Amino acid sequence: MNDKLELLDEIDLVLNPQKGVDTNHLVSVLLTILFILVVLFPKIYIQQQIYFISRDISKLKGEYDTLKEENRLIGSSVESIRFKNRILDTLF
């Protein structure tokens, strides 16, 4: 009787293998995930910082171009006023 039960247990193990997770497998999966995060996190962080800095640079470049154009317009306006003052001073 004991041999029959032992044989049935072995057949049951072959036909219906255990579907549990081995602790070694679980630890290796967790270490792999941790390794991937350690490798990828700096790359993602650096790319994000580059994006924000380039966005700030683009904004500052637009402001610089605007101020440069305003400076040019004000300079030409000042030059025009100086010319008018010189002309008016020589007439009177």
N, C-alpha and C. Protein backbone atom coordinates (compact mmCIF):
# COMPACT_ATOMS: atom_id res chain seq x y z
N MET A 1 0.82 -1.18 0.00
CA MET A 1 0.00 0.00 0.00
C MET A 1 0.87 1.26 0.00
N ASN A 2 1.93 1.21 0.72
CA ASN A 2 2.85 2.32 0.82
C ASN A 2 3.52 2.59 -0.52
N ASP A 3 3.84 1.52 -1.24
CA ASP A 3 4.46 1.66 -2.57
C ASP A 3 3.49 2.30 -3.56
N LYS A 4 2.21 1.95 -3.43
CA LYS A 4 1.21 2.53 -4.33
C LYS A 4 1.10 4.05 -4.10
N LEU A 5 1.07 4.46 -2.86
CA LEU A 5 0.95 5.88 -2.54
C LEU A 5 2.18 6.64 -3.01
N GLU A 6 3.33 6.04 -2.84
CA GLU A 6 4.57 6.67 -3.27
C GLU A 6 4.60 6.81 -4.79
N LEU A 7 4.16 5.78 -5.48
CA LEU A 7 4.09 5.82 -6.93
C LEU A 7 3.08 6.85 -7.41
N LEU A 8 1.94 6.95 -6.75
CA LEU A 8 0.93 7.95 -7.12
C LEU A 8 1.45 9.37 -6.86
N ASP A 9 2.20 9.55 -5.78
CA ASP A 9 2.77 10.87 -5.48
C ASP A 9 3.78 11.28 -6.56
N GLU A 10 4.59 10.33 -7.01
CA GLU A 10 5.58 10.63 -8.05
C GLU A 10 4.90 10.94 -9.38
N ILE A 11 3.84 10.19 -9.70
CA ILE A 11 3.10 10.44 -10.93
C ILE A 11 2.42 11.81 -10.86
N ASP A 12 1.89 12.12 -9.69
CA ASP A 12 1.25 13.42 -9.50
C ASP A 12 2.27 14.56 -9.68
N LEU A 13 3.48 14.39 -9.20
CA LEU A 13 4.52 15.41 -9.38
C LEU A 13 4.89 15.56 -10.85
N VAL A 14 4.90 14.47 -11.59
CA VAL A 14 5.25 14.55 -13.00
C VAL A 14 4.12 15.19 -13.80
N LEU A 15 2.89 14.81 -13.54
CA LEU A 15 1.75 15.33 -14.29
C LEU A 15 1.38 16.76 -13.87
N ASN A 16 1.48 17.08 -12.61
CA ASN A 16 1.12 18.39 -12.09
C ASN A 16 2.31 18.97 -11.33
N PRO A 17 3.25 19.54 -12.05
CA PRO A 17 4.43 20.07 -11.35
C PRO A 17 4.03 21.27 -10.48
N GLN A 18 4.80 21.51 -9.44
CA GLN A 18 4.51 22.63 -8.56
C GLN A 18 4.78 23.93 -9.29
N LYS A 19 3.90 24.87 -9.09
CA LYS A 19 4.00 26.14 -9.80
C LYS A 19 4.45 27.26 -8.87
N GLY A 20 5.07 26.96 -7.81
CA GLY A 20 5.55 27.95 -6.86
C GLY A 20 6.82 28.60 -7.38
N VAL A 21 7.16 29.73 -6.78
CA VAL A 21 8.35 30.47 -7.17
C VAL A 21 9.47 30.11 -6.19
N ASP A 22 10.59 29.75 -6.75
CA ASP A 22 11.74 29.42 -5.94
C ASP A 22 12.36 30.70 -5.40
N THR A 23 12.89 30.68 -4.19
CA THR A 23 13.47 31.89 -3.60
C THR A 23 14.70 32.34 -4.36
N ASN A 24 15.48 31.42 -4.88
CA ASN A 24 16.66 31.80 -5.67
C ASN A 24 16.25 32.53 -6.95
N HIS A 25 15.21 32.03 -7.57
CA HIS A 25 14.70 32.67 -8.78
C HIS A 25 14.17 34.07 -8.46
N LEU A 26 13.44 34.19 -7.36
CA LEU A 26 12.89 35.48 -6.96
C LEU A 26 14.00 36.48 -6.66
N VAL A 27 15.03 36.06 -5.97
CA VAL A 27 16.15 36.94 -5.64
C VAL A 27 16.88 37.36 -6.92
N SER A 28 17.07 36.42 -7.84
CA SER A 28 17.77 36.78 -9.08
C SER A 28 16.95 37.76 -9.91
N VAL A 29 15.65 37.62 -9.93
CA VAL A 29 14.79 38.55 -10.67
C VAL A 29 14.84 39.93 -10.02
N LEU A 30 14.77 39.99 -8.70
CA LEU A 30 14.84 41.28 -8.01
C LEU A 30 16.19 41.95 -8.20
N LEU A 31 17.26 41.19 -8.17
CA LEU A 31 18.59 41.77 -8.41
C LEU A 31 18.73 42.27 -9.84
N THR A 32 18.14 41.57 -10.78
CA THR A 32 18.18 42.00 -12.18
C THR A 32 17.42 43.31 -12.35
N ILE A 33 16.25 43.40 -11.74
CA ILE A 33 15.46 44.64 -11.82
C ILE A 33 16.22 45.79 -11.16
N LEU A 34 16.84 45.52 -10.02
CA LEU A 34 17.61 46.55 -9.33
C LEU A 34 18.79 47.00 -10.18
N PHE A 35 19.47 46.08 -10.82
CA PHE A 35 20.60 46.41 -11.69
C PHE A 35 20.16 47.28 -12.86
N ILE A 36 19.03 46.91 -13.46
CA ILE A 36 18.51 47.69 -14.60
C ILE A 36 18.15 49.10 -14.16
N LEU A 37 17.54 49.23 -12.99
CA LEU A 37 17.18 50.56 -12.49
C LEU A 37 18.43 51.39 -12.19
N VAL A 38 19.44 50.76 -11.62
CA VAL A 38 20.68 51.48 -11.31
C VAL A 38 21.36 51.94 -12.58
N VAL A 39 21.27 51.17 -13.63
CA VAL A 39 21.91 51.54 -14.89
C VAL A 39 21.09 52.59 -15.64
N LEU A 40 19.79 52.46 -15.65
CA LEU A 40 18.95 53.34 -16.46
C LEU A 40 18.58 54.65 -15.77
N PHE A 41 18.51 54.69 -14.45
CA PHE A 41 18.09 55.91 -13.77
C PHE A 41 19.00 57.09 -14.05
N PRO A 42 20.33 56.94 -13.99
CA PRO A 42 21.17 58.10 -14.31
C PRO A 42 20.98 58.60 -15.74
N LYS A 43 20.79 57.70 -16.67
CA LYS A 43 20.59 58.09 -18.07
C LYS A 43 19.30 58.90 -18.21
N ILE A 44 18.23 58.45 -17.60
CA ILE A 44 16.96 59.15 -17.67
C ILE A 44 17.07 60.51 -16.98
N TYR A 45 17.73 60.55 -15.83
CA TYR A 45 17.89 61.79 -15.09
C TYR A 45 18.69 62.81 -15.90
N ILE A 46 19.78 62.36 -16.50
CA ILE A 46 20.63 63.27 -17.28
C ILE A 46 19.88 63.79 -18.50
N GLN A 47 19.15 62.92 -19.18
CA GLN A 47 18.37 63.37 -20.34
C GLN A 47 17.32 64.39 -19.94
N GLN A 48 16.68 64.18 -18.81
CA GLN A 48 15.67 65.13 -18.35
C GLN A 48 16.31 66.47 -18.01
N GLN A 49 17.46 66.46 -17.36
CA GLN A 49 18.15 67.70 -17.02
C GLN A 49 18.59 68.44 -18.28
N ILE A 50 19.09 67.70 -19.27
CA ILE A 50 19.49 68.32 -20.54
C ILE A 50 18.29 68.97 -21.21
N TYR A 51 17.13 68.30 -21.18
CA TYR A 51 15.93 68.85 -21.79
C TYR A 51 15.53 70.17 -21.11
N PHE A 52 15.51 70.19 -19.77
CA PHE A 52 15.09 71.40 -19.06
C PHE A 52 16.09 72.54 -19.28
N ILE A 53 17.38 72.24 -19.29
CA ILE A 53 18.38 73.28 -19.52
C ILE A 53 18.29 73.81 -20.94
N SER A 54 18.09 72.94 -21.92
CA SER A 54 17.97 73.41 -23.30
C SER A 54 16.71 74.25 -23.49
N ARG A 55 15.65 73.90 -22.76
CA ARG A 55 14.43 74.70 -22.82
C ARG A 55 14.67 76.09 -22.25
N ASP A 56 15.40 76.17 -21.15
CA ASP A 56 15.74 77.47 -20.56
C ASP A 56 16.64 78.27 -21.49
N ILE A 57 17.60 77.60 -22.11
CA ILE A 57 18.50 78.28 -23.05
C ILE A 57 17.72 78.84 -24.23
N SER A 58 16.78 78.07 -24.74
CA SER A 58 15.96 78.52 -25.86
C SER A 58 15.14 79.75 -25.47
N LYS A 59 14.59 79.73 -24.27
CA LYS A 59 13.80 80.88 -23.79
C LYS A 59 14.69 82.12 -23.67
N LEU A 60 15.88 81.94 -23.09
CA LEU A 60 16.81 83.07 -22.94
C LEU A 60 17.29 83.57 -24.29
N LYS A 61 17.50 82.67 -25.25
CA LYS A 61 17.92 83.07 -26.60
C LYS A 61 16.84 83.92 -27.26
N GLY A 62 15.58 83.54 -27.09
CA GLY A 62 14.47 84.34 -27.64
C GLY A 62 14.42 85.72 -27.01
N GLU A 63 14.61 85.79 -25.70
CA GLU A 63 14.62 87.09 -25.02
C GLU A 63 15.81 87.93 -25.47
N TYR A 64 16.95 87.28 -25.65
CA TYR A 64 18.15 87.99 -26.11
C TYR A 64 17.93 88.59 -27.50
N ASP A 65 17.35 87.80 -28.41
CA ASP A 65 17.09 88.30 -29.75
C ASP A 65 16.11 89.47 -29.73
N THR A 66 15.09 89.38 -28.87
CA THR A 66 14.12 90.47 -28.75
C THR A 66 14.78 91.74 -28.23
N LEU A 67 15.60 91.60 -27.18
CA LEU A 67 16.28 92.76 -26.62
C LEU A 67 17.29 93.35 -27.61
N LYS A 68 17.93 92.51 -28.38
CA LYS A 68 18.88 93.00 -29.39
C LYS A 68 18.16 93.82 -30.45
N GLU A 69 17.00 93.36 -30.88
CA GLU A 69 16.21 94.10 -31.87
C GLU A 69 15.71 95.41 -31.29
N GLU A 70 15.25 95.39 -30.03
CA GLU A 70 14.81 96.63 -29.38
C GLU A 70 15.97 97.62 -29.26
N ASN A 71 17.15 97.11 -28.93
CA ASN A 71 18.33 97.97 -28.83
C ASN A 71 18.64 98.62 -30.17
N ARG A 72 18.50 97.84 -31.24
CA ARG A 72 18.75 98.39 -32.58
C ARG A 72 17.74 99.48 -32.91
N LEU A 73 16.45 99.24 -32.59
CA LEU A 73 15.41 100.24 -32.86
C LEU A 73 15.62 101.50 -32.02
N ILE A 74 15.96 101.33 -30.77
CA ILE A 74 16.19 102.50 -29.90
C ILE A 74 17.42 103.26 -30.37
N GLY A 75 18.45 102.55 -30.79
CA GLY A 75 19.66 103.20 -31.30
C GLY A 75 19.36 104.03 -32.54
N SER A 76 18.55 103.48 -33.44
CA SER A 76 18.22 104.25 -34.65
C SER A 76 17.33 105.44 -34.30
N SER A 77 16.45 105.27 -33.31
CA SER A 77 15.61 106.39 -32.86
C SER A 77 16.47 107.48 -32.23
N VAL A 78 17.44 107.12 -31.41
CA VAL A 78 18.33 108.09 -30.79
C VAL A 78 19.15 108.81 -31.86
N GLU A 79 19.62 108.07 -32.83
CA GLU A 79 20.40 108.67 -33.92
C GLU A 79 19.55 109.67 -34.70
N SER A 80 18.29 109.32 -34.93
CA SER A 80 17.38 110.22 -35.62
C SER A 80 17.15 111.49 -34.82
N ILE A 81 16.97 111.35 -33.52
CA ILE A 81 16.76 112.52 -32.66
C ILE A 81 18.01 113.40 -32.63
N ARG A 82 19.19 112.80 -32.56
CA ARG A 82 20.44 113.56 -32.58
C ARG A 82 20.59 114.33 -33.89
N PHE A 83 20.23 113.67 -34.99
CA PHE A 83 20.34 114.33 -36.28
C PHE A 83 19.40 115.53 -36.35
N LYS A 84 18.17 115.35 -35.86
CA LYS A 84 17.21 116.46 -35.86
C LYS A 84 17.69 117.60 -34.99
N ASN A 85 18.26 117.28 -33.82
CA ASN A 85 18.77 118.33 -32.94
C ASN A 85 19.93 119.08 -33.59
N ARG A 86 20.80 118.41 -34.29
CA ARG A 86 21.92 119.07 -34.96
C ARG A 86 21.42 119.98 -36.07
N ILE A 87 20.42 119.50 -36.80
CA ILE A 87 19.86 120.31 -37.88
C ILE A 87 19.17 121.53 -37.31
N LEU A 88 18.34 121.33 -36.26
CA LEU A 88 17.63 122.45 -35.68
C LEU A 88 18.58 123.45 -35.02
N ASP A 89 19.68 122.97 -34.43
CA ASP A 89 20.65 123.86 -33.81
C ASP A 89 21.35 124.72 -34.87
N THR A 90 21.59 124.18 -36.01
CA THR A 90 22.29 124.97 -37.05
C THR A 90 21.33 125.96 -37.71
N LEU A 91 20.05 125.68 -37.72
CA LEU A 91 19.09 126.60 -38.33
C LEU A 91 18.85 127.81 -37.43
N PHE A 92 18.86 127.64 -36.15
CA PHE A 92 18.54 128.75 -35.24
C PHE A 92 19.74 129.24 -34.55
